Protein backbone atom coordinates (compact mmCIF):
# COMPACT_ATOMS: atom_id res chain seq x y z
CA UNK A 1 -175.74 -67.11 -201.50
CA UNK A 2 -173.01 -68.14 -199.07
CA UNK A 3 -172.30 -66.19 -195.91
CA UNK A 4 -168.97 -65.21 -197.43
CA UNK A 5 -170.71 -63.86 -200.53
CA UNK A 6 -173.23 -62.05 -198.34
CA UNK A 7 -170.38 -60.54 -196.37
CA UNK A 8 -168.73 -59.36 -199.56
CA UNK A 9 -172.03 -57.89 -200.75
CA UNK A 10 -172.42 -56.03 -197.45
CA UNK A 11 -168.90 -54.66 -197.67
CA UNK A 12 -169.43 -53.81 -201.32
CA UNK A 13 -172.46 -51.77 -200.37
CA UNK A 14 -170.34 -49.84 -197.89
CA UNK A 15 -167.42 -49.52 -200.30
CA UNK A 16 -169.33 -48.62 -203.45
CA UNK A 17 -167.84 -45.14 -203.40
CA UNK A 18 -164.58 -45.16 -201.38
CA UNK A 19 -163.64 -41.62 -202.40
CA UNK A 20 -166.51 -40.30 -200.30
CA UNK A 21 -165.19 -41.76 -197.03
CA UNK A 22 -164.51 -38.31 -195.61
CA UNK A 23 -168.26 -37.81 -195.14
CA UNK A 24 -168.77 -40.84 -192.86
CA UNK A 25 -171.22 -40.43 -190.03
CA UNK A 26 -170.44 -41.73 -186.55
CA UNK A 27 -171.82 -45.15 -185.71
CA UNK A 28 -172.42 -46.22 -189.28
CA UNK A 29 -169.66 -48.82 -189.53
CA UNK A 30 -167.64 -46.90 -192.10
CA UNK A 31 -170.47 -46.20 -194.56
CA UNK A 32 -170.75 -42.68 -195.87
CA UNK A 33 -173.62 -40.38 -196.62
CA UNK A 34 -172.94 -40.94 -200.32
CA UNK A 35 -172.66 -44.73 -200.15
CA UNK A 36 -175.36 -45.51 -197.61
CA UNK A 37 -178.75 -46.26 -199.17
CA UNK A 38 -181.66 -44.04 -198.09
CA UNK A 39 -183.18 -45.01 -194.75
CA UNK A 40 -186.16 -47.31 -195.10
CA UNK A 41 -185.32 -48.21 -198.69
CA UNK A 42 -185.20 -51.80 -199.83
CA UNK A 43 -181.43 -51.54 -200.24
CA UNK A 44 -181.07 -50.24 -196.66
CA UNK A 45 -183.16 -53.15 -195.40
CA UNK A 46 -180.98 -55.62 -197.31
CA UNK A 47 -177.84 -53.99 -195.97
CA UNK A 48 -179.10 -54.13 -192.39
CA UNK A 49 -180.24 -57.73 -192.80
CA UNK A 50 -176.86 -58.78 -194.14
CA UNK A 51 -175.07 -57.02 -191.30
CA UNK A 52 -177.25 -58.67 -188.68
CA UNK A 53 -177.09 -62.14 -190.24
CA UNK A 54 -173.35 -61.94 -190.57
CA UNK A 55 -172.99 -61.05 -186.89
CA UNK A 56 -173.74 -64.71 -186.06
CA UNK A 57 -173.08 -64.32 -182.35
CA UNK A 58 -170.15 -61.93 -182.77
CA UNK A 59 -170.56 -58.22 -182.29
CA UNK A 60 -171.53 -56.15 -185.28
CA UNK A 61 -168.21 -54.28 -185.03
CA UNK A 62 -166.26 -57.57 -185.10
CA UNK A 63 -168.26 -58.75 -188.09
CA UNK A 64 -167.69 -55.51 -189.98
CA UNK A 65 -163.95 -55.69 -189.22
CA UNK A 66 -163.94 -59.25 -190.56
CA UNK A 67 -165.80 -58.11 -193.67
CA UNK A 68 -163.32 -55.29 -194.24
CA UNK A 69 -160.45 -57.77 -194.04
CA UNK A 70 -162.19 -60.04 -196.55
CA UNK A 71 -162.74 -57.03 -198.82
CA UNK A 72 -159.05 -56.11 -198.67
CA UNK A 73 -158.11 -59.65 -199.72
CA UNK A 74 -160.05 -59.31 -202.99
CA UNK A 75 -158.30 -58.23 -206.15
CA UNK A 76 -159.20 -54.90 -207.72
CA UNK A 77 -161.12 -56.77 -210.45
CA UNK A 78 -163.16 -58.71 -207.89
CA UNK A 79 -163.98 -55.51 -205.96
CA UNK A 80 -165.09 -53.78 -209.13
CA UNK A 81 -167.28 -56.75 -210.08
CA UNK A 82 -168.99 -56.69 -206.69
CA UNK A 83 -169.49 -52.93 -206.94
CA UNK A 84 -171.09 -53.50 -210.34
CA UNK A 85 -173.50 -56.06 -208.82
CA UNK A 86 -174.44 -53.70 -206.01
CA UNK A 87 -175.05 -50.77 -208.34
CA UNK A 88 -177.09 -52.99 -210.66
CA UNK A 89 -179.21 -54.10 -207.69
CA UNK A 90 -179.74 -50.53 -206.46
CA UNK A 91 -180.64 -49.28 -209.94
CA UNK A 92 -182.88 -52.26 -210.72
CA UNK A 93 -186.65 -52.39 -210.69
CA UNK A 94 -188.39 -52.71 -207.35
CA UNK A 95 -189.99 -55.99 -208.49
CA UNK A 96 -186.57 -57.42 -209.39
CA UNK A 97 -185.20 -56.35 -206.00
CA UNK A 98 -188.13 -57.99 -204.23
CA UNK A 99 -187.60 -61.19 -206.22
CA UNK A 100 -183.89 -61.25 -205.34
CA UNK A 101 -184.58 -60.62 -201.65
CA UNK A 102 -187.19 -63.39 -201.61
CA UNK A 103 -184.75 -65.81 -203.26
CA UNK A 104 -182.06 -64.78 -200.78
CA UNK A 105 -184.39 -65.36 -197.82
CA UNK A 106 -185.47 -68.73 -199.19
CA UNK A 107 -181.86 -69.79 -199.68
CA UNK A 108 -180.90 -68.72 -196.16
CA UNK A 109 -183.81 -70.69 -194.70
CA UNK A 110 -182.43 -73.94 -196.19
CA UNK A 111 -180.36 -76.26 -194.07
CA UNK A 112 -176.61 -76.27 -194.67
CA UNK A 113 -176.90 -79.64 -196.41
CA UNK A 114 -179.59 -78.38 -198.79
CA UNK A 115 -177.59 -75.22 -199.56
CA UNK A 116 -174.59 -77.37 -200.46
CA UNK A 117 -176.75 -79.60 -202.67
CA UNK A 118 -178.06 -76.45 -204.38
CA UNK A 119 -174.49 -75.24 -204.98
CA UNK A 120 -173.51 -78.59 -206.49
CA UNK A 121 -176.50 -78.51 -208.84
CA UNK A 122 -175.82 -74.90 -209.78
CA UNK A 123 -172.24 -75.79 -210.66
CA UNK A 124 -173.13 -78.54 -213.12
CA UNK A 125 -176.16 -76.71 -214.51
CA UNK A 126 -173.94 -73.70 -215.28
CA UNK A 127 -171.41 -75.94 -217.03
CA UNK A 128 -174.14 -77.69 -219.04
CA UNK A 129 -175.94 -74.49 -220.05
CA UNK A 130 -172.62 -73.08 -221.30
CA UNK A 131 -172.54 -75.85 -223.92
CA UNK A 132 -175.73 -74.55 -225.56
CA UNK A 133 -175.71 -71.87 -228.25
CA UNK A 134 -177.36 -68.52 -227.45
CA UNK A 135 -180.39 -69.54 -229.54
CA UNK A 136 -180.69 -72.84 -227.66
CA UNK A 137 -180.49 -70.97 -224.35
CA UNK A 138 -183.41 -68.80 -225.42
CA UNK A 139 -185.36 -71.94 -226.27
CA UNK A 140 -184.51 -73.35 -222.82
CA UNK A 141 -186.03 -70.26 -221.18
CA UNK A 142 -189.31 -70.84 -223.00
CA UNK A 143 -189.59 -74.52 -222.07
CA UNK A 144 -191.72 -75.97 -219.29
CA UNK A 145 -189.61 -76.60 -216.16
CA UNK A 146 -189.82 -80.41 -216.38
CA UNK A 147 -188.88 -80.43 -220.07
CA UNK A 148 -185.98 -78.06 -219.40
CA UNK A 149 -184.78 -80.29 -216.51
CA UNK A 150 -184.95 -83.41 -218.69
CA UNK A 151 -182.96 -81.72 -221.45
CA UNK A 152 -180.32 -80.44 -219.02
CA UNK A 153 -179.95 -83.87 -217.40
CA UNK A 154 -179.67 -85.55 -220.80
CA UNK A 155 -176.98 -83.06 -221.88
CA UNK A 156 -175.19 -83.49 -218.53
CA UNK A 157 -175.15 -87.29 -218.93
CA UNK A 158 -173.91 -86.92 -222.51
CA UNK A 159 -171.06 -84.64 -221.40
CA UNK A 160 -170.14 -87.03 -218.58
CA UNK A 161 -170.06 -90.02 -220.95
CA UNK A 162 -167.82 -88.05 -223.34
CA UNK A 163 -165.50 -87.14 -220.45
CA UNK A 164 -166.14 -83.42 -220.95
CA UNK A 165 -167.78 -82.98 -217.54
CA UNK A 166 -166.49 -84.52 -214.36
CA UNK A 167 -168.53 -84.28 -211.18
CA UNK A 168 -166.86 -84.70 -207.82
CA UNK A 169 -170.12 -84.77 -205.89
CA UNK A 170 -173.23 -86.97 -206.13
CA UNK A 171 -175.36 -86.13 -209.14
CA UNK A 172 -178.65 -84.37 -208.46
CA UNK A 173 -181.41 -83.22 -210.73
CA UNK A 174 -182.23 -79.49 -211.03
CA UNK A 175 -185.34 -79.89 -208.86
CA UNK A 176 -183.33 -81.32 -205.99
CA UNK A 177 -184.30 -84.97 -206.41
CA UNK A 178 -181.46 -87.44 -206.51
CA UNK A 179 -181.01 -89.10 -209.88
């Protein structure tokens, strides 16, 4: 998850219910009693972590102002989509939340170069998976990771040779190894 996406997620958490802004408490960066997750909850920990990570040397107030500006630049559809993601996270199972937080922490611990490589792979993998039928996607889920990677790479190479997929960046395998 990019810092920009994390910023949007943090703002989305604060803006999940804008009609309740009249109940804001002092010192809470614009969040309201109705939109702020319960203290100590997993969602509150995620929200705090995002706010602190986004500070990146700037004050928390400056970061929140920046996030609000980014939020205002989004279209109404984009805002609604982010609200949907936040609500889905908050209503999800605790195990799913833990898994997402662990993935998020792992991603943030990567170097910038490795995060970019991951984004490049994710882009072509998404494009390749979209070429499979729903039944084939279900079969992919049940495959061993190496077999799934081989199939995705073969389909990617086939799409490239047909001119249906054009990659701007170096090609990498799903596991991170250069092809």
